[in-house]
PDB file of N, CA and C in Angstrom:
ATOM      1  N   MET A   1       1.169 -15.706   9.041  1.00  0.00           N
ATOM      2  CA  MET A   1       0.911 -14.761   7.861  1.00  0.00           C
ATOM      3  C   MET A   1       2.019 -13.651   7.872  1.00  0.00           C
ATOM      4  N   PRO A   2       2.856 -13.528   6.944  1.00  0.00           N
ATOM      5  CA  PRO A   2       3.770 -12.350   6.818  1.00  0.00           C
ATOM      6  C   PRO A   2       3.022 -11.077   6.780  1.00  0.00           C
ATOM      7  N   GLU A   3       3.605 -10.012   7.452  1.00  0.00           N
ATOM      8  CA  GLU A   3       3.231  -8.702   7.447  1.00  0.00           C
ATOM      9  C   GLU A   3       4.248  -7.678   7.394  1.00  0.00           C
ATOM     10  N   ARG A   4       4.059  -6.561   6.916  1.00  0.00           N
ATOM     11  CA  ARG A   4       4.885  -5.444   6.941  1.00  0.00           C
ATOM     12  C   ARG A   4       4.040  -4.028   7.417  1.00  0.00           C
ATOM     13  N   THR A   5       5.052  -3.436   8.276  1.00  0.00           N
ATOM     14  CA  THR A   5       4.247  -2.164   8.785  1.00  0.00           C
ATOM     15  C   THR A   5       5.081  -1.193   8.054  1.00  0.00           C
ATOM     16  N   VAL A   6       4.304  -0.146   7.576  1.00  0.00           N
ATOM     17  CA  VAL A   6       4.882   0.831   6.646  1.00  0.00           C
ATOM     18  C   VAL A   6       4.348   2.154   7.048  1.00  0.00           C
ATOM     19  N   VAL A   7       5.277   3.233   6.958  1.00  0.00           N
ATOM     20  CA  VAL A   7       4.816   4.622   7.033  1.00  0.00           C
ATOM     21  C   VAL A   7       4.551   5.252   5.755  1.00  0.00           C
ATOM     22  N   ILE A   8       3.371   5.702   5.514  1.00  0.00           N
ATOM     23  CA  ILE A   8       3.094   6.316   4.183  1.00  0.00           C
ATOM     24  C   ILE A   8       3.910   7.519   3.947  1.00  0.00           C
ATOM     25  N   GLY A   9       4.643   7.372   2.771  1.00  0.00           N
ATOM     26  CA  GLY A   9       5.599   8.315   2.229  1.00  0.00           C
ATOM     27  C   GLY A   9       4.932   9.533   1.355  1.00  0.00           C
ATOM     28  N   SER A  10       3.857   9.401   0.755  1.00  0.00           N
ATOM     29  CA  SER A  10       3.253  10.298  -0.173  1.00  0.00           C
ATOM     30  C   SER A  10       2.831  11.512   0.593  1.00  0.00           C
ATOM     31  N   SER A  11       3.247  12.667   0.120  1.00  0.00           N
ATOM     32  CA  SER A  11       2.778  13.948   0.556  1.00  0.00           C
ATOM     33  C   SER A  11       1.271  14.141   0.854  1.00  0.00           C
ATOM     34  N   VAL A  12       0.353  13.544   0.010  1.00  0.00           N
ATOM     35  CA  VAL A  12      -0.892  13.699   0.314  1.00  0.00           C
ATOM     36  C   VAL A  12      -1.668  12.512   0.943  1.00  0.00           C
ATOM     37  N   GLY A  13      -0.842  11.514   1.312  1.00  0.00           N
ATOM     38  CA  GLY A  13      -1.245  10.313   1.825  1.00  0.00           C
ATOM     39  C   GLY A  13      -1.686   9.230   0.767  1.00  0.00           C
ATOM     40  N   LEU A  14      -2.554   8.390   1.139  1.00  0.00           N
ATOM     41  CA  LEU A  14      -2.838   7.275   0.257  1.00  0.00           C
ATOM     42  C   LEU A  14      -4.254   7.845  -0.429  1.00  0.00           C
ATOM     43  N   HIS A  15      -3.848   8.780  -1.315  1.00  0.00           N
ATOM     44  CA  HIS A  15      -5.124   9.272  -2.072  1.00  0.00           C
ATOM     45  C   HIS A  15      -4.831   9.359  -3.553  1.00  0.00           C
ATOM     46  N   ALA A  16      -5.876   9.245  -4.337  1.00  0.00           N
ATOM     47  CA  ALA A  16      -5.958   9.336  -5.760  1.00  0.00           C
ATOM     48  C   ALA A  16      -4.827   8.658  -6.503  1.00  0.00           C
ATOM     49  N   ARG A  17      -3.822   9.424  -6.815  1.00  0.00           N
ATOM     50  CA  ARG A  17      -2.627   8.783  -7.771  1.00  0.00           C
ATOM     51  C   ARG A  17      -1.936   7.665  -6.859  1.00  0.00           C
ATOM     52  N   PRO A  18      -1.391   8.015  -5.583  1.00  0.00           N
ATOM     53  CA  PRO A  18      -0.713   7.043  -4.886  1.00  0.00           C
ATOM     54  C   PRO A  18      -1.650   5.655  -4.492  1.00  0.00           C
ATOM     55  N   ALA A  19      -2.829   5.785  -4.334  1.00  0.00           N
ATOM     56  CA  ALA A  19      -3.759   4.711  -4.081  1.00  0.00           C
ATOM     57  C   ALA A  19      -3.908   3.823  -5.295  1.00  0.00           C
ATOM     58  N   SER A  20      -4.024   4.502  -6.482  1.00  0.00           N
ATOM     59  CA  SER A  20      -4.152   3.948  -7.861  1.00  0.00           C
ATOM     60  C   SER A  20      -2.742   3.069  -8.034  1.00  0.00           C
ATOM     61  N   LEU A  21      -1.635   3.618  -8.033  1.00  0.00           N
ATOM     62  CA  LEU A  21      -0.446   2.889  -7.990  1.00  0.00           C
ATOM     63  C   LEU A  21      -0.261   1.610  -7.102  1.00  0.00           C
ATOM     64  N   PHE A  22      -0.719   1.922  -6.070  1.00  0.00           N
ATOM     65  CA  PHE A  22      -0.596   0.824  -5.064  1.00  0.00           C
ATOM     66  C   PHE A  22      -1.749  -0.284  -5.397  1.00  0.00           C
ATOM     67  N   THR A  23      -2.839   0.093  -5.673  1.00  0.00           N
ATOM     68  CA  THR A  23      -3.882  -0.954  -5.893  1.00  0.00           C
ATOM     69  C   THR A  23      -3.501  -1.804  -7.219  1.00  0.00           C
ATOM     70  N   GLN A  24      -2.807  -1.109  -8.251  1.00  0.00           N
ATOM     71  CA  GLN A  24      -2.525  -1.640  -9.422  1.00  0.00           C
ATOM     72  C   GLN A  24      -1.381  -2.527  -9.103  1.00  0.00           C
ATOM     73  N   ALA A  25      -0.296  -2.423  -8.414  1.00  0.00           N
ATOM     74  CA  ALA A  25       0.702  -3.168  -7.938  1.00  0.00           C
ATOM     75  C   ALA A  25       0.156  -4.491  -7.067  1.00  0.00           C
ATOM     76  N   ALA A  26      -0.827  -4.081  -6.249  1.00  0.00           N
ATOM     77  CA  ALA A  26      -1.492  -5.254  -5.588  1.00  0.00           C
ATOM     78  C   ALA A  26      -2.253  -6.234  -6.293  1.00  0.00           C
ATOM     79  N   THR A  27      -2.843  -5.745  -7.272  1.00  0.00           N
ATOM     80  CA  THR A  27      -3.615  -6.411  -8.328  1.00  0.00           C
ATOM     81  C   THR A  27      -2.559  -7.438  -9.084  1.00  0.00           C
ATOM     82  N   ALA A  28      -1.508  -6.868  -9.420  1.00  0.00           N
ATOM     83  CA  ALA A  28      -0.529  -7.655 -10.161  1.00  0.00           C
ATOM     84  C   ALA A  28       0.282  -8.676  -9.409  1.00  0.00           C
ATOM     85  N   ALA A  29       0.036  -8.571  -8.048  1.00  0.00           N
ATOM     86  CA  ALA A  29       0.807  -9.521  -7.225  1.00  0.00           C
ATOM     87  C   ALA A  29       0.242 -10.926  -7.275  1.00  0.00           C
ATOM     88  N   SER A  30       1.249 -11.831  -6.970  1.00  0.00           N
ATOM     89  CA  SER A  30       0.846 -13.227  -7.143  1.00  0.00           C
ATOM     90  C   SER A  30      -0.022 -13.907  -5.833  1.00  0.00           C
ATOM     91  N   VAL A  31      -0.165 -13.008  -4.931  1.00  0.00           N
ATOM     92  CA  VAL A  31      -0.792 -13.546  -3.815  1.00  0.00           C
ATOM     93  C   VAL A  31      -1.955 -12.278  -3.389  1.00  0.00           C
ATOM     94  N   PRO A  32      -3.004 -12.765  -2.794  1.00  0.00           N
ATOM     95  CA  PRO A  32      -3.853 -11.655  -2.225  1.00  0.00           C
ATOM     96  C   PRO A  32      -3.217 -10.800  -1.064  1.00  0.00           C
ATOM     97  N   VAL A  33      -3.438  -9.492  -1.134  1.00  0.00           N
ATOM     98  CA  VAL A  33      -2.916  -8.620  -0.066  1.00  0.00           C
ATOM     99  C   VAL A  33      -3.920  -7.900   0.580  1.00  0.00           C
ATOM    100  N   THR A  34      -3.634  -7.607   1.887  1.00  0.00           N
ATOM    101  CA  THR A  34      -4.674  -6.763   2.644  1.00  0.00           C
ATOM    102  C   THR A  34      -3.821  -5.523   3.237  1.00  0.00           C
ATOM    103  N   ILE A  35      -4.523  -4.516   3.495  1.00  0.00           N
ATOM    104  CA  ILE A  35      -3.988  -3.336   4.001  1.00  0.00           C
ATOM    105  C   ILE A  35      -4.856  -2.794   5.222  1.00  0.00           C
ATOM    106  N   ALA A  36      -4.223  -2.411   6.258  1.00  0.00           N
ATOM    107  CA  ALA A  36      -5.013  -1.897   7.434  1.00  0.00           C
ATOM    108  C   ALA A  36      -4.384  -0.837   8.125  1.00  0.00           C
ATOM    109  N   ARG A  37      -5.180   0.213   8.435  1.00  0.00           N
ATOM    110  CA  ARG A  37      -4.632   1.310   9.370  1.00  0.00           C
ATOM    111  C   ARG A  37      -4.448   0.726  10.844  1.00  0.00           C
ATOM    112  N   ALA A  38      -3.501   1.286  11.512  1.00  0.00           N
ATOM    113  CA  ALA A  38      -3.277   0.887  12.846  1.00  0.00           C
ATOM    114  C   ALA A  38      -4.510   0.776  13.641  1.00  0.00           C
ATOM    115  N   GLY A  39      -4.685  -0.494  14.162  1.00  0.00           N
ATOM    116  CA  GLY A  39      -5.860  -0.840  14.945  1.00  0.00           C
ATOM    117  C   GLY A  39      -7.174  -1.176  14.078  1.00  0.00           C
ATOM    118  N   GLY A  40      -7.115  -0.905  12.680  1.00  0.00           N
ATOM    119  CA  GLY A  40      -8.312  -1.021  12.023  1.00  0.00           C
ATOM    120  C   GLY A  40      -8.469  -2.359  11.254  1.00  0.00           C
ATOM    121  N   GLU A  41      -9.580  -2.717  10.673  1.00  0.00           N
ATOM    122  CA  GLU A  41      -9.780  -3.820   9.988  1.00  0.00           C
ATOM    123  C   GLU A  41      -9.114  -3.739   8.520  1.00  0.00           C
ATOM    124  N   PRO A  42      -8.563  -4.965   8.169  1.00  0.00           N
ATOM    125  CA  PRO A  42      -7.911  -5.035   6.944  1.00  0.00           C
ATOM    126  C   PRO A  42      -8.965  -5.243   5.692  1.00  0.00           C
ATOM    127  N   VAL A  43      -8.486  -4.473   4.689  1.00  0.00           N
ATOM    128  CA  VAL A  43      -9.349  -4.361   3.487  1.00  0.00           C
ATOM    129  C   VAL A  43      -8.469  -4.992   2.213  1.00  0.00           C
ATOM    130  N   ASP A  44      -9.174  -5.434   1.306  1.00  0.00           N
ATOM    131  CA  ASP A  44      -8.415  -6.003   0.037  1.00  0.00           C
ATOM    132  C   ASP A  44      -7.733  -4.764  -0.576  1.00  0.00           C
ATOM    133  N   ALA A  45      -6.465  -5.031  -0.904  1.00  0.00           N
ATOM    134  CA  ALA A  45      -5.545  -4.010  -1.239  1.00  0.00           C
ATOM    135  C   ALA A  45      -5.677  -3.776  -2.769  1.00  0.00           C
ATOM    136  N   ARG A  46      -6.421  -4.718  -3.395  1.00  0.00           N
ATOM    137  CA  ARG A  46      -6.800  -4.670  -4.867  1.00  0.00           C
ATOM    138  C   ARG A  46      -7.895  -3.623  -5.198  1.00  0.00           C
ATOM    139  N   SER A  47      -8.557  -3.172  -4.292  1.00  0.00           N
ATOM    140  CA  SER A  47      -9.811  -2.309  -4.442  1.00  0.00           C
ATOM    141  C   SER A  47      -9.461  -0.930  -4.069  1.00  0.00           C
ATOM    142  N   ILE A  48      -9.433  -0.062  -5.088  1.00  0.00           N
ATOM    143  CA  ILE A  48      -9.280   1.212  -5.020  1.00  0.00           C
ATOM    144  C   ILE A  48     -10.211   1.962  -4.127  1.00  0.00           C
ATOM    145  N   LEU A  49     -11.525   1.633  -4.122  1.00  0.00           N
ATOM    146  CA  LEU A  49     -12.552   2.308  -3.346  1.00  0.00           C
ATOM    147  C   LEU A  49     -12.205   1.832  -1.668  1.00  0.00           C
ATOM    148  N   LEU A  50     -11.911   0.543  -1.433  1.00  0.00           N
ATOM    149  CA  LEU A  50     -11.694   0.268  -0.125  1.00  0.00           C
ATOM    150  C   LEU A  50     -10.290   0.970   0.403  1.00  0.00           C
ATOM    151  N   VAL A  51      -9.401   1.044  -0.256  1.00  0.00           N
ATOM    152  CA  VAL A  51      -8.048   1.738  -0.042  1.00  0.00           C
ATOM    153  C   VAL A  51      -8.326   2.975   0.128  1.00  0.00           C
ATOM    154  N   LEU A  52      -9.119   3.750  -0.598  1.00  0.00           N
ATOM    155  CA  LEU A  52      -9.265   5.240  -0.435  1.00  0.00           C
ATOM    156  C   LEU A  52     -10.233   5.417   0.867  1.00  0.00           C
ATOM    157  N   SER A  53     -11.111   4.425   1.078  1.00  0.00           N
ATOM    158  CA  SER A  53     -12.048   4.664   2.259  1.00  0.00           C
ATOM    159  C   SER A  53     -11.214   4.620   3.509  1.00  0.00           C
ATOM    160  N   LEU A  54      -9.938   4.216   3.503  1.00  0.00           N
ATOM    161  CA  LEU A  54      -9.140   4.122   4.781  1.00  0.00           C
ATOM    162  C   LEU A  54      -8.809   5.534   5.151  1.00  0.00           C
ATOM    163  N   GLY A  55      -8.599   6.505   4.189  1.00  0.00           N
ATOM    164  CA  GLY A  55      -8.340   7.723   4.699  1.00  0.00           C
ATOM    165  C   GLY A  55      -6.884   7.919   5.207  1.00  0.00           C
ATOM    166  N   VAL A  56      -5.963   7.272   4.674  1.00  0.00           N
ATOM    167  CA  VAL A  56      -4.603   7.247   5.382  1.00  0.00           C
ATOM    168  C   VAL A  56      -3.855   8.511   4.902  1.00  0.00           C
ATOM    169  N   LYS A  57      -3.397   9.109   5.761  1.00  0.00           N
ATOM    170  CA  LYS A  57      -2.542  10.415   5.509  1.00  0.00           C
ATOM    171  C   LYS A  57      -1.108  10.139   5.624  1.00  0.00           C
ATOM    172  N   ASN A  58      -0.352  11.115   5.004  1.00  0.00           N
ATOM    173  CA  ASN A  58       1.160  11.150   5.056  1.00  0.00           C
ATOM    174  C   ASN A  58       1.642  10.926   6.495  1.00  0.00           C
ATOM    175  N   GLY A  59       2.639  10.076   6.553  1.00  0.00           N
ATOM    176  CA  GLY A  59       3.195   9.770   8.050  1.00  0.00           C
ATOM    177  C   GLY A  59       2.374   8.762   8.858  1.00  0.00           C
ATOM    178  N   GLU A  60       1.360   8.387   8.526  1.00  0.00           N
ATOM    179  CA  GLU A  60       0.566   7.327   9.208  1.00  0.00           C
ATOM    180  C   GLU A  60       0.957   6.068   8.824  1.00  0.00           C
ATOM    181  N   THR A  61       0.869   4.990   9.742  1.00  0.00           N
ATOM    182  CA  THR A  61       1.287   3.631   9.651  1.00  0.00           C
ATOM    183  C   THR A  61       0.294   2.736   9.078  1.00  0.00           C
ATOM    184  N   VAL A  62       0.587   1.945   8.142  1.00  0.00           N
ATOM    185  CA  VAL A  62      -0.467   0.934   7.696  1.00  0.00           C
ATOM    186  C   VAL A  62       0.213  -0.576   7.757  1.00  0.00           C
ATOM    187  N   THR A  63      -0.474  -1.626   7.968  1.00  0.00           N
ATOM    188  CA  THR A  63       0.007  -2.951   8.000  1.00  0.00           C
ATOM    189  C   THR A  63      -0.467  -3.678   6.683  1.00  0.00           C
ATOM    190  N   LEU A  64       0.560  -4.061   6.071  1.00  0.00           N
ATOM    191  CA  LEU A  64       0.275  -4.983   4.756  1.00  0.00           C
ATOM    192  C   LEU A  64       0.396  -6.452   5.211  1.00  0.00           C
ATOM    193  N   ALA A  65      -0.506  -7.310   4.779  1.00  0.00           N
ATOM    194  CA  ALA A  65      -0.503  -8.803   5.076  1.00  0.00           C
ATOM    195  C   ALA A  65      -0.768  -9.496   3.843  1.00  0.00           C
ATOM    196  N   ALA A  66      -0.099 -10.801   3.633  1.00  0.00           N
ATOM    197  CA  ALA A  66      -0.280 -11.487   2.559  1.00  0.00           C
ATOM    198  C   ALA A  66       0.010 -12.897   2.930  1.00  0.00           C
ATOM    199  N   GLU A  67      -0.575 -13.906   2.287  1.00  0.00           N
ATOM    200  CA  GLU A  67      -0.089 -15.336   2.600  1.00  0.00           C
ATOM    201  C   GLU A  67      -0.092 -16.032   1.277  1.00  0.00           C
ATOM    202  N   GLY A  68       0.929 -16.985   1.258  1.00  0.00           N
ATOM    203  CA  GLY A  68       0.990 -17.715  -0.079  1.00  0.00           C
ATOM    204  C   GLY A  68       2.450 -17.649  -0.526  1.00  0.00           C
ATOM    205  N   GLU A  69       2.846 -18.444  -1.335  1.00  0.00           N
ATOM    206  CA  GLU A  69       4.217 -18.637  -2.035  1.00  0.00           C
ATOM    207  C   GLU A  69       4.606 -17.159  -2.624  1.00  0.00           C
ATOM    208  N   GLY A  70       5.617 -16.609  -2.235  1.00  0.00           N
ATOM    209  CA  GLY A  70       6.150 -15.301  -2.610  1.00  0.00           C
ATOM    210  C   GLY A  70       5.563 -14.182  -1.944  1.00  0.00           C
ATOM    211  N   ALA A  71       4.853 -14.447  -0.690  1.00  0.00           N
ATOM    212  CA  ALA A  71       4.244 -13.437  -0.049  1.00  0.00           C
ATOM    213  C   ALA A  71       5.314 -12.376   0.613  1.00  0.00           C
ATOM    214  N   ASP A  72       6.407 -12.765   0.985  1.00  0.00           N
ATOM    215  CA  ASP A  72       7.459 -12.091   1.467  1.00  0.00           C
ATOM    216  C   ASP A  72       7.925 -10.916   0.446  1.00  0.00           C
ATOM    217  N   ALA A  73       8.161 -11.509  -0.734  1.00  0.00           N
ATOM    218  CA  ALA A  73       8.796 -10.494  -1.791  1.00  0.00           C
ATOM    219  C   ALA A  73       7.665  -9.590  -2.185  1.00  0.00           C
ATOM    220  N   VAL A  74       6.407 -10.051  -2.260  1.00  0.00           N
ATOM    221  CA  VAL A  74       5.354  -9.119  -2.678  1.00  0.00           C
ATOM    222  C   VAL A  74       5.239  -8.005  -1.533  1.00  0.00           C
ATOM    223  N   LEU A  75       5.238  -8.335  -0.359  1.00  0.00           N
ATOM    224  CA  LEU A  75       5.131  -7.413   0.788  1.00  0.00           C
ATOM    225  C   LEU A  75       6.269  -6.321   0.748  1.00  0.00           C
ATOM    226  N   ASP A  76       7.363  -6.905   0.492  1.00  0.00           N
ATOM    227  CA  ASP A  76       8.649  -6.070   0.478  1.00  0.00           C
ATOM    228  C   ASP A  76       8.384  -5.032  -0.686  1.00  0.00           C
ATOM    229  N   SER A  77       7.975  -5.581  -1.848  1.00  0.00           N
ATOM    230  CA  SER A  77       7.813  -4.665  -3.060  1.00  0.00           C
ATOM    231  C   SER A  77       6.790  -3.505  -2.785  1.00  0.00           C
ATOM    232  N   LEU A  78       5.629  -3.868  -2.068  1.00  0.00           N
ATOM    233  CA  LEU A  78       4.455  -3.092  -1.838  1.00  0.00           C
ATOM    234  C   LEU A  78       4.870  -1.909  -0.715  1.00  0.00           C
ATOM    235  N   ALA A  79       5.517  -2.533   0.350  1.00  0.00           N
ATOM    236  CA  ALA A  79       6.010  -1.699   1.428  1.00  0.00           C
ATOM    237  C   ALA A  79       7.053  -0.656   0.828  1.00  0.00           C
ATOM    238  N   ASP A  80       7.940  -0.942  -0.045  1.00  0.00           N
ATOM    239  CA  ASP A  80       8.837  -0.119  -0.605  1.00  0.00           C
ATOM    240  C   ASP A  80       8.087   1.179  -1.403  1.00  0.00           C
ATOM    241  N   LEU A  81       7.107   0.648  -2.140  1.00  0.00           N
ATOM    242  CA  LEU A  81       6.173   1.617  -2.877  1.00  0.00           C
ATOM    243  C   LEU A  81       5.470   2.544  -2.089  1.00  0.00           C
ATOM    244  N   LEU A  82       4.745   2.076  -0.988  1.00  0.00           N
ATOM    245  CA  LEU A  82       4.303   2.955  -0.059  1.00  0.00           C
ATOM    246  C   LEU A  82       5.144   3.964   0.740  1.00  0.00           C
ATOM    247  N   SER A  83       6.251   3.517   0.878  1.00  0.00           N
ATOM    248  CA  SER A  83       7.178   4.403   1.518  1.00  0.00           C
ATOM    249  C   SER A  83       7.768   5.688   0.840  1.00  0.00           C
ATOM    250  N   ARG A  84       7.485   5.636  -0.378  1.00  0.00           N
ATOM    251  CA  ARG A  84       8.012   6.635  -1.292  1.00  0.00           C
ATOM    252  C   ARG A  84       6.894   7.620  -1.528  1.00  0.00           C
ATOM    253  N   ASP A  85       7.250   9.101  -1.947  1.00  0.00           N
ATOM    254  CA  ASP A  85       6.336   9.893  -2.221  1.00  0.00           C
ATOM    255  C   ASP A  85       5.943   9.701  -3.547  1.00  0.00           C
ATOM    256  N   LEU A  86       4.764   9.064  -3.838  1.00  0.00           N
ATOM    257  CA  LEU A  86       4.252   8.606  -5.179  1.00  0.00           C
ATOM    258  C   LEU A  86       3.757  10.016  -5.929  1.00  0.00           C
ATOM    259  N   ASP A  87       3.610  11.045  -5.250  1.00  0.00           N
ATOM    260  CA  ASP A  87       3.095  12.330  -5.825  1.00  0.00           C
ATOM    261  C   ASP A  87       4.178  13.157  -6.293  1.00  0.00           C
ATOM    262  N   ALA A  88       5.625  12.924  -6.046  1.00  0.00           N
ATOM    263  CA  ALA A  88       6.754  13.702  -6.415  1.00  0.00           C
ATOM    264  C   ALA A  88       6.836  13.556  -7.915  1.00  0.00           C
ATOM    265  N   ALA A  89       7.207  14.525  -8.407  1.00  0.00           N
ATOM    266  CA  ALA A  89       7.559  14.394  -9.948  1.00  0.00           C
ATOM    267  C   ALA A  89       8.732  13.549 -10.258  1.00  0.00           C
ATOM    268  N   PRO A  90       8.606  12.626 -11.378  1.00  0.00           N
ATOM    269  CA  PRO A  90       9.515  11.943 -11.775  1.00  0.00           C
ATOM    270  C   PRO A  90      10.890  12.527 -12.040  1.00  0.00           C
ATOM    271  N   ALA A  91      11.937  11.966 -11.788  1.00  0.00           N
ATOM    272  CA  ALA A  91      13.461  12.558 -12.062  1.00  0.00           C
ATOM    273  C   ALA A  91      13.394  12.971 -13.477  1.00  0.00           C
ATOM    274  N   GLY A  92      14.178  14.135 -13.784  1.00  0.00           N
ATOM    275  CA  GLY A  92      14.142  14.626 -15.054  1.00  0.00           C
ATOM    276  C   GLY A  92      13.099  15.384 -15.615  1.00  0.00           C
ATOM    277  N   ASN A  93      11.964  15.733 -14.870  1.00  0.00           N
ATOM    278  CA  ASN A  93      10.973  16.521 -15.144  1.00  0.00           C
ATOM    279  C   ASN A  93      10.971  17.900 -14.422  1.00  0.00           C
TER     280      ASN A  93
END
């Protein structure tokens, strides 16, 4: 099963807006994805409540996993998303 380890880039961690953006992207993915804190049990990345319940803070590491056709591309995309500061103002604002 392909996995990616990612350091959370959002300044507030995986909370509210960043978690919402992440779960929306996971829901749109072509394969089921899980997310887990280091040493923790994986949860469904499509569930905003489960993702928020992880309580992941800025700089913490999570592991994403997926299986199926296209899993590597999905994981690369989601890992890139989580590594950015999703609370930063968009360019031009």
